[in-house]
All heavy atoms as atom14 arrays in JSON, in Angstrom:
{
  "sequence": "QSSGVALTADGYGKDMVLAGREVFGFCGGAALVR",
  "atom14_mask": [
    [1, 1, 1, 1, 1, 1, 1, 1, 1, 0, 0, 0, 0, 0],
    [1, 1, 1, 1, 1, 1, 0, 0, 0, 0, 0, 0, 0, 0],
    [1, 1, 1, 1, 1, 1, 0, 0, 0, 0, 0, 0, 0, 0],
    [1, 1, 1, 1, 0, 0, 0, 0, 0, 0, 0, 0, 0, 0],
    [1, 1, 1, 1, 1, 1, 1, 0, 0, 0, 0, 0, 0, 0],
    [1, 1, 1, 1, 1, 0, 0, 0, 0, 0, 0, 0, 0, 0],
    [1, 1, 1, 1, 1, 1, 1, 1, 0, 0, 0, 0, 0, 0],
    [1, 1, 1, 1, 1, 1, 1, 0, 0, 0, 0, 0, 0, 0],
    [1, 1, 1, 1, 1, 0, 0, 0, 0, 0, 0, 0, 0, 0],
    [1, 1, 1, 1, 1, 1, 1, 1, 0, 0, 0, 0, 0, 0],
    [1, 1, 1, 1, 0, 0, 0, 0, 0, 0, 0, 0, 0, 0],
    [1, 1, 1, 1, 1, 1, 1, 1, 1, 1, 1, 1, 0, 0],
    [1, 1, 1, 1, 0, 0, 0, 0, 0, 0, 0, 0, 0, 0],
    [1, 1, 1, 1, 1, 1, 1, 1, 1, 0, 0, 0, 0, 0],
    [1, 1, 1, 1, 1, 1, 1, 1, 0, 0, 0, 0, 0, 0],
    [1, 1, 1, 1, 1, 1, 1, 1, 0, 0, 0, 0, 0, 0],
    [1, 1, 1, 1, 1, 1, 1, 0, 0, 0, 0, 0, 0, 0],
    [1, 1, 1, 1, 1, 1, 1, 1, 0, 0, 0, 0, 0, 0],
    [1, 1, 1, 1, 1, 0, 0, 0, 0, 0, 0, 0, 0, 0],
    [1, 1, 1, 1, 0, 0, 0, 0, 0, 0, 0, 0, 0, 0],
    [1, 1, 1, 1, 1, 1, 1, 1, 1, 1, 1, 0, 0, 0],
    [1, 1, 1, 1, 1, 1, 1, 1, 1, 0, 0, 0, 0, 0],
    [1, 1, 1, 1, 1, 1, 1, 0, 0, 0, 0, 0, 0, 0],
    [1, 1, 1, 1, 1, 1, 1, 1, 1, 1, 1, 0, 0, 0],
    [1, 1, 1, 1, 0, 0, 0, 0, 0, 0, 0, 0, 0, 0],
    [1, 1, 1, 1, 1, 1, 1, 1, 1, 1, 1, 0, 0, 0],
    [1, 1, 1, 1, 1, 1, 0, 0, 0, 0, 0, 0, 0, 0],
    [1, 1, 1, 1, 0, 0, 0, 0, 0, 0, 0, 0, 0, 0],
    [1, 1, 1, 1, 0, 0, 0, 0, 0, 0, 0, 0, 0, 0],
    [1, 1, 1, 1, 1, 0, 0, 0, 0, 0, 0, 0, 0, 0],
    [1, 1, 1, 1, 1, 0, 0, 0, 0, 0, 0, 0, 0, 0],
    [1, 1, 1, 1, 1, 1, 1, 1, 0, 0, 0, 0, 0, 0],
    [1, 1, 1, 1, 1, 1, 1, 0, 0, 0, 0, 0, 0, 0],
    [1, 1, 1, 1, 1, 1, 1, 1, 1, 1, 1, 0, 0, 0]
  ],
  "atom14_positions": [
    [[4.16, 1.17, 10.15], [2.98, 1.94, 9.79], [2.4, 1.46, 8.47], [1.19, 1.29, 8.31], [3.3, 3.42, 9.7], [2.15, 4.28, 9.18], [2.6, 5.66, 8.76], [3.7, 6.13, 9.13], [1.77, 6.33, 7.97], [0.0, 0.0, 0.0], [0.0, 0.0, 0.0], [0.0, 0.0, 0.0], [0.0, 0.0, 0.0], [0.0, 0.0, 0.0]],
    [[3.29, 1.24, 7.5], [2.81, 0.84, 6.17], [3.93, 0.14, 5.4], [5.09, 0.57, 5.46], [2.36, 2.07, 5.39], [1.99, 1.72, 4.06], [0.0, 0.0, 0.0], [0.0, 0.0, 0.0], [0.0, 0.0, 0.0], [0.0, 0.0, 0.0], [0.0, 0.0, 0.0], [0.0, 0.0, 0.0], [0.0, 0.0, 0.0], [0.0, 0.0, 0.0]],
    [[3.56, -0.88, 4.7], [4.47, -1.48, 3.71], [3.75, -1.59, 2.36], [4.1, -2.41, 1.52], [4.92, -2.87, 4.17], [3.81, -3.71, 4.41], [0.0, 0.0, 0.0], [0.0, 0.0, 0.0], [0.0, 0.0, 0.0], [0.0, 0.0, 0.0], [0.0, 0.0, 0.0], [0.0, 0.0, 0.0], [0.0, 0.0, 0.0], [0.0, 0.0, 0.0]],
    [[2.75, -0.75, 2.2], [1.97, -0.73, 0.98], [0.52, -0.45, 1.29], [0.11, -0.36, 2.46], [0.0, 0.0, 0.0], [0.0, 0.0, 0.0], [0.0, 0.0, 0.0], [0.0, 0.0, 0.0], [0.0, 0.0, 0.0], [0.0, 0.0, 0.0], [0.0, 0.0, 0.0], [0.0, 0.0, 0.0], [0.0, 0.0, 0.0], [0.0, 0.0, 0.0]],
    [[-0.28, -0.31, 0.24], [-1.69, 0.05, 0.39], [-2.56, -1.03, -0.21], [-2.35, -1.48, -1.34], [-1.95, 1.41, -0.29], [-3.44, 1.73, -0.29], [-1.19, 2.53, 0.42], [0.0, 0.0, 0.0], [0.0, 0.0, 0.0], [0.0, 0.0, 0.0], [0.0, 0.0, 0.0], [0.0, 0.0, 0.0], [0.0, 0.0, 0.0], [0.0, 0.0, 0.0]],
    [[-3.55, -1.44, 0.57], [-4.58, -2.37, 0.1], [-5.84, -1.59, -0.24], [-6.02, -0.44, 0.19], [-4.89, -3.42, 1.16], [0.0, 0.0, 0.0], [0.0, 0.0, 0.0], [0.0, 0.0, 0.0], [0.0, 0.0, 0.0], [0.0, 0.0, 0.0], [0.0, 0.0, 0.0], [0.0, 0.0, 0.0], [0.0, 0.0, 0.0], [0.0, 0.0, 0.0]],
    [[-6.7, -2.19, -1.01], [-7.97, -1.57, -1.43], [-9.1, -2.31, -0.75], [-9.31, -3.51, -1.0], [-8.08, -1.62, -2.94], [-9.22, -0.83, -3.6], [-9.06, 0.67, -3.33], [-9.24, -1.08, -5.09], [0.0, 0.0, 0.0], [0.0, 0.0, 0.0], [0.0, 0.0, 0.0], [0.0, 0.0, 0.0], [0.0, 0.0, 0.0], [0.0, 0.0, 0.0]],
    [[-9.85, -1.65, 0.12], [-10.93, -2.3, 0.85], [-12.14, -2.51, -0.08], [-12.22, -1.94, -1.17], [-11.36, -1.5, 2.06], [-12.0, -0.27, 1.63], [-10.17, -1.15, 2.95], [0.0, 0.0, 0.0], [0.0, 0.0, 0.0], [0.0, 0.0, 0.0], [0.0, 0.0, 0.0], [0.0, 0.0, 0.0], [0.0, 0.0, 0.0], [0.0, 0.0, 0.0]],
    [[-13.1, -3.31, 0.39], [-14.27, -3.63, -0.41], [-15.15, -2.39, -0.67], [-15.95, -2.39, -1.61], [-15.09, -4.71, 0.28], [0.0, 0.0, 0.0], [0.0, 0.0, 0.0], [0.0, 0.0, 0.0], [0.0, 0.0, 0.0], [0.0, 0.0, 0.0], [0.0, 0.0, 0.0], [0.0, 0.0, 0.0], [0.0, 0.0, 0.0], [0.0, 0.0, 0.0]],
    [[-15.0, -1.35, 0.17], [-15.78, -0.13, -0.06], [-14.92, 0.99, -0.63], [-15.31, 2.16, -0.62], [-16.48, 0.33, 1.22], [-15.57, 0.35, 2.42], [-14.38, 0.04, 2.27], [-16.06, 0.67, 3.53], [0.0, 0.0, 0.0], [0.0, 0.0, 0.0], [0.0, 0.0, 0.0], [0.0, 0.0, 0.0], [0.0, 0.0, 0.0], [0.0, 0.0, 0.0]],
    [[-13.73, 0.62, -1.15], [-12.95, 1.57, -1.91], [-12.1, 2.51, -1.1], [-11.68, 3.55, -1.61], [0.0, 0.0, 0.0], [0.0, 0.0, 0.0], [0.0, 0.0, 0.0], [0.0, 0.0, 0.0], [0.0, 0.0, 0.0], [0.0, 0.0, 0.0], [0.0, 0.0, 0.0], [0.0, 0.0, 0.0], [0.0, 0.0, 0.0], [0.0, 0.0, 0.0]],
    [[-11.79, 2.14, 0.15], [-10.82, 2.93, 0.92], [-9.43, 2.35, 0.7], [-9.27, 1.13, 0.5], [-11.15, 2.89, 2.41], [-12.28, 3.77, 2.84], [-13.58, 3.29, 2.92], [-12.06, 5.1, 3.18], [-14.64, 4.1, 3.3], [-13.11, 5.94, 3.56], [-14.38, 5.42, 3.63], [-15.41, 6.25, 4.02], [0.0, 0.0, 0.0], [0.0, 0.0, 0.0]],
    [[-8.41, 3.2, 0.76], [-7.03, 2.73, 0.81], [-6.66, 2.42, 2.25], [-6.97, 3.2, 3.16], [0.0, 0.0, 0.0], [0.0, 0.0, 0.0], [0.0, 0.0, 0.0], [0.0, 0.0, 0.0], [0.0, 0.0, 0.0], [0.0, 0.0, 0.0], [0.0, 0.0, 0.0], [0.0, 0.0, 0.0], [0.0, 0.0, 0.0], [0.0, 0.0, 0.0]],
    [[-6.02, 1.28, 2.47], [-5.7, 0.85, 3.83], [-4.23, 0.43, 3.88], [-3.77, -0.33, 3.04], [-6.59, -0.32, 4.23], [-6.32, -0.86, 5.64], [-7.27, -2.0, 5.95], [-6.92, -3.26, 5.16], [-7.71, -4.44, 5.6], [0.0, 0.0, 0.0], [0.0, 0.0, 0.0], [0.0, 0.0, 0.0], [0.0, 0.0, 0.0], [0.0, 0.0, 0.0]],
    [[-3.5, 0.93, 4.89], [-2.11, 0.56, 5.03], [-1.98, -0.92, 5.35], [-2.73, -1.48, 6.16], [-1.45, 1.37, 6.15], [-1.12, 2.79, 5.74], [-0.71, 2.97, 4.58], [-1.27, 3.71, 6.55], [0.0, 0.0, 0.0], [0.0, 0.0, 0.0], [0.0, 0.0, 0.0], [0.0, 0.0, 0.0], [0.0, 0.0, 0.0], [0.0, 0.0, 0.0]],
    [[-0.99, -1.56, 4.71], [-0.66, -2.95, 4.97], [0.66, -3.01, 5.75], [1.47, -2.08, 5.69], [-0.49, -3.72, 3.65], [-1.71, -3.74, 2.79], [-1.36, -4.58, 1.23], [-0.91, -6.22, 1.83], [0.0, 0.0, 0.0], [0.0, 0.0, 0.0], [0.0, 0.0, 0.0], [0.0, 0.0, 0.0], [0.0, 0.0, 0.0], [0.0, 0.0, 0.0]],
    [[0.87, -4.09, 6.48], [2.1, -4.2, 7.28], [2.91, -5.44, 6.93], [3.84, -5.8, 7.65], [1.77, -4.19, 8.79], [1.19, -2.86, 9.18], [0.84, -5.33, 9.17], [0.0, 0.0, 0.0], [0.0, 0.0, 0.0], [0.0, 0.0, 0.0], [0.0, 0.0, 0.0], [0.0, 0.0, 0.0], [0.0, 0.0, 0.0], [0.0, 0.0, 0.0]],
    [[2.58, -6.09, 5.82], [3.34, -7.27, 5.38], [4.19, -6.88, 4.19], [3.7, -6.67, 3.09], [2.41, -8.43, 5.0], [1.53, -8.98, 6.13], [0.57, -10.03, 5.58], [2.41, -9.58, 7.22], [0.0, 0.0, 0.0], [0.0, 0.0, 0.0], [0.0, 0.0, 0.0], [0.0, 0.0, 0.0], [0.0, 0.0, 0.0], [0.0, 0.0, 0.0]],
    [[5.5, -6.75, 4.39], [6.4, -6.29, 3.34], [6.88, -7.43, 2.47], [6.69, -8.61, 2.78], [7.6, -5.58, 3.97], [0.0, 0.0, 0.0], [0.0, 0.0, 0.0], [0.0, 0.0, 0.0], [0.0, 0.0, 0.0], [0.0, 0.0, 0.0], [0.0, 0.0, 0.0], [0.0, 0.0, 0.0], [0.0, 0.0, 0.0], [0.0, 0.0, 0.0]],
    [[7.54, -7.07, 1.35], [8.17, -8.08, 0.51], [7.24, -8.8, -0.44], [7.46, -9.98, -0.74], [0.0, 0.0, 0.0], [0.0, 0.0, 0.0], [0.0, 0.0, 0.0], [0.0, 0.0, 0.0], [0.0, 0.0, 0.0], [0.0, 0.0, 0.0], [0.0, 0.0, 0.0], [0.0, 0.0, 0.0], [0.0, 0.0, 0.0], [0.0, 0.0, 0.0]],
    [[6.2, -8.15, -0.9], [5.23, -8.8, -1.78], [4.63, -7.77, -2.73], [4.85, -6.56, -2.59], [4.13, -9.47, -0.95], [3.46, -8.47, 0.0], [2.37, -9.09, 0.83], [1.2, -9.36, 0.04], [0.03, -9.79, 0.59], [-0.07, -9.97, 1.87], [-1.02, -10.02, -0.19], [0.0, 0.0, 0.0], [0.0, 0.0, 0.0], [0.0, 0.0, 0.0]],
    [[3.88, -8.26, -3.71], [3.14, -7.34, -4.54], [1.97, -6.79, -3.75], [1.3, -7.5, -2.99], [2.63, -8.06, -5.8], [1.87, -7.11, -6.74], [1.44, -7.82, -8.03], [1.68, -9.02, -8.16], [0.85, -7.13, -8.87], [0.0, 0.0, 0.0], [0.0, 0.0, 0.0], [0.0, 0.0, 0.0], [0.0, 0.0, 0.0], [0.0, 0.0, 0.0]],
    [[1.7, -5.49, -3.91], [0.61, -4.82, -3.22], [-0.21, -4.05, -4.23], [0.22, -3.82, -5.35], [1.13, -3.87, -2.13], [1.76, -4.65, -0.99], [2.13, -2.87, -2.68], [0.0, 0.0, 0.0], [0.0, 0.0, 0.0], [0.0, 0.0, 0.0], [0.0, 0.0, 0.0], [0.0, 0.0, 0.0], [0.0, 0.0, 0.0], [0.0, 0.0, 0.0]],
    [[-1.42, -3.66, -3.82], [-2.24, -2.89, -4.75], [-1.58, -1.56, -5.07], [-1.49, -1.15, -6.23], [-3.63, -2.63, -4.16], [-4.42, -1.64, -5.0], [-4.97, -2.02, -6.21], [-4.56, -0.32, -4.58], [-5.66, -1.11, -7.02], [-5.26, 0.6, -5.37], [-5.81, 0.21, -6.57], [0.0, 0.0, 0.0], [0.0, 0.0, 0.0], [0.0, 0.0, 0.0]],
    [[-1.15, -0.86, -4.01], [-0.6, 0.47, -4.24], [0.51, 0.84, -3.3], [0.8, 0.12, -2.34], [0.0, 0.0, 0.0], [0.0, 0.0, 0.0], [0.0, 0.0, 0.0], [0.0, 0.0, 0.0], [0.0, 0.0, 0.0], [0.0, 0.0, 0.0], [0.0, 0.0, 0.0], [0.0, 0.0, 0.0], [0.0, 0.0, 0.0], [0.0, 0.0, 0.0]],
    [[1.15, 1.96, -3.6], [2.25, 2.41, -2.77], [1.79, 3.51, -1.83], [0.8, 4.23, -2.08], [3.4, 2.93, -3.66], [3.06, 4.11, -4.53], [3.2, 5.42, -4.06], [2.63, 3.93, -5.85], [2.91, 6.51, -4.86], [2.33, 5.02, -6.65], [2.47, 6.31, -6.16], [0.0, 0.0, 0.0], [0.0, 0.0, 0.0], [0.0, 0.0, 0.0]],
    [[2.5, 3.64, -0.71], [2.26, 4.74, 0.2], [3.1, 5.92, -0.26], [4.34, 5.79, -0.33], [2.63, 4.33, 1.63], [2.47, 5.67, 2.82], [0.0, 0.0, 0.0], [0.0, 0.0, 0.0], [0.0, 0.0, 0.0], [0.0, 0.0, 0.0], [0.0, 0.0, 0.0], [0.0, 0.0, 0.0], [0.0, 0.0, 0.0], [0.0, 0.0, 0.0]],
    [[2.48, 7.03, -0.55], [3.18, 8.16, -1.16], [4.14, 8.86, -0.24], [4.89, 9.73, -0.69], [0.0, 0.0, 0.0], [0.0, 0.0, 0.0], [0.0, 0.0, 0.0], [0.0, 0.0, 0.0], [0.0, 0.0, 0.0], [0.0, 0.0, 0.0], [0.0, 0.0, 0.0], [0.0, 0.0, 0.0], [0.0, 0.0, 0.0], [0.0, 0.0, 0.0]],
    [[4.16, 8.5, 1.04], [5.11, 9.12, 1.97], [6.55, 8.72, 1.73], [7.47, 9.43, 2.16], [0.0, 0.0, 0.0], [0.0, 0.0, 0.0], [0.0, 0.0, 0.0], [0.0, 0.0, 0.0], [0.0, 0.0, 0.0], [0.0, 0.0, 0.0], [0.0, 0.0, 0.0], [0.0, 0.0, 0.0], [0.0, 0.0, 0.0], [0.0, 0.0, 0.0]],
    [[6.77, 7.57, 1.06], [8.14, 7.11, 0.78], [8.05, 6.03, -0.29], [7.78, 4.85, 0.02], [8.79, 6.57, 2.04], [0.0, 0.0, 0.0], [0.0, 0.0, 0.0], [0.0, 0.0, 0.0], [0.0, 0.0, 0.0], [0.0, 0.0, 0.0], [0.0, 0.0, 0.0], [0.0, 0.0, 0.0], [0.0, 0.0, 0.0], [0.0, 0.0, 0.0]],
    [[8.25, 6.43, -1.53], [8.11, 5.48, -2.63], [8.95, 5.91, -3.82], [9.41, 7.07, -3.88], [6.63, 5.38, -3.08], [0.0, 0.0, 0.0], [0.0, 0.0, 0.0], [0.0, 0.0, 0.0], [0.0, 0.0, 0.0], [0.0, 0.0, 0.0], [0.0, 0.0, 0.0], [0.0, 0.0, 0.0], [0.0, 0.0, 0.0], [0.0, 0.0, 0.0]],
    [[9.17, 4.98, -4.74], [9.92, 5.27, -5.96], [9.04, 4.85, -7.13], [8.52, 3.72, -7.16], [11.24, 4.5, -5.98], [12.22, 4.87, -7.1], [12.77, 6.27, -6.91], [13.38, 3.87, -7.14], [0.0, 0.0, 0.0], [0.0, 0.0, 0.0], [0.0, 0.0, 0.0], [0.0, 0.0, 0.0], [0.0, 0.0, 0.0], [0.0, 0.0, 0.0]],
    [[8.91, 5.74, -8.12], [8.02, 5.51, -9.26], [8.8, 5.72, -10.55], [9.63, 6.63, -10.63], [6.8, 6.49, -9.22], [5.81, 6.13, -10.32], [6.14, 6.45, -7.86], [0.0, 0.0, 0.0], [0.0, 0.0, 0.0], [0.0, 0.0, 0.0], [0.0, 0.0, 0.0], [0.0, 0.0, 0.0], [0.0, 0.0, 0.0], [0.0, 0.0, 0.0]],
    [[8.53, 4.87, -11.54], [9.13, 5.09, -12.87], [8.53, 6.37, -13.45], [7.31, 6.49, -13.63], [8.85, 3.91, -13.79], [9.52, 2.62, -13.39], [9.31, 1.56, -14.46], [9.65, 0.24, -13.95], [10.89, -0.27, -13.9], [11.88, 0.44, -14.41], [11.09, -1.47, -13.41], [0.0, 0.0, 0.0], [0.0, 0.0, 0.0], [0.0, 0.0, 0.0]]
  ]
}
């Protein structure tokens, strides 16, 4: 379903499905934050 969140050109958050890389943002359904 999601391995992170991308930012579209019109400012929507979009789920990404490519794990193991830097992403724009995290999916708040399952994440760890400092």
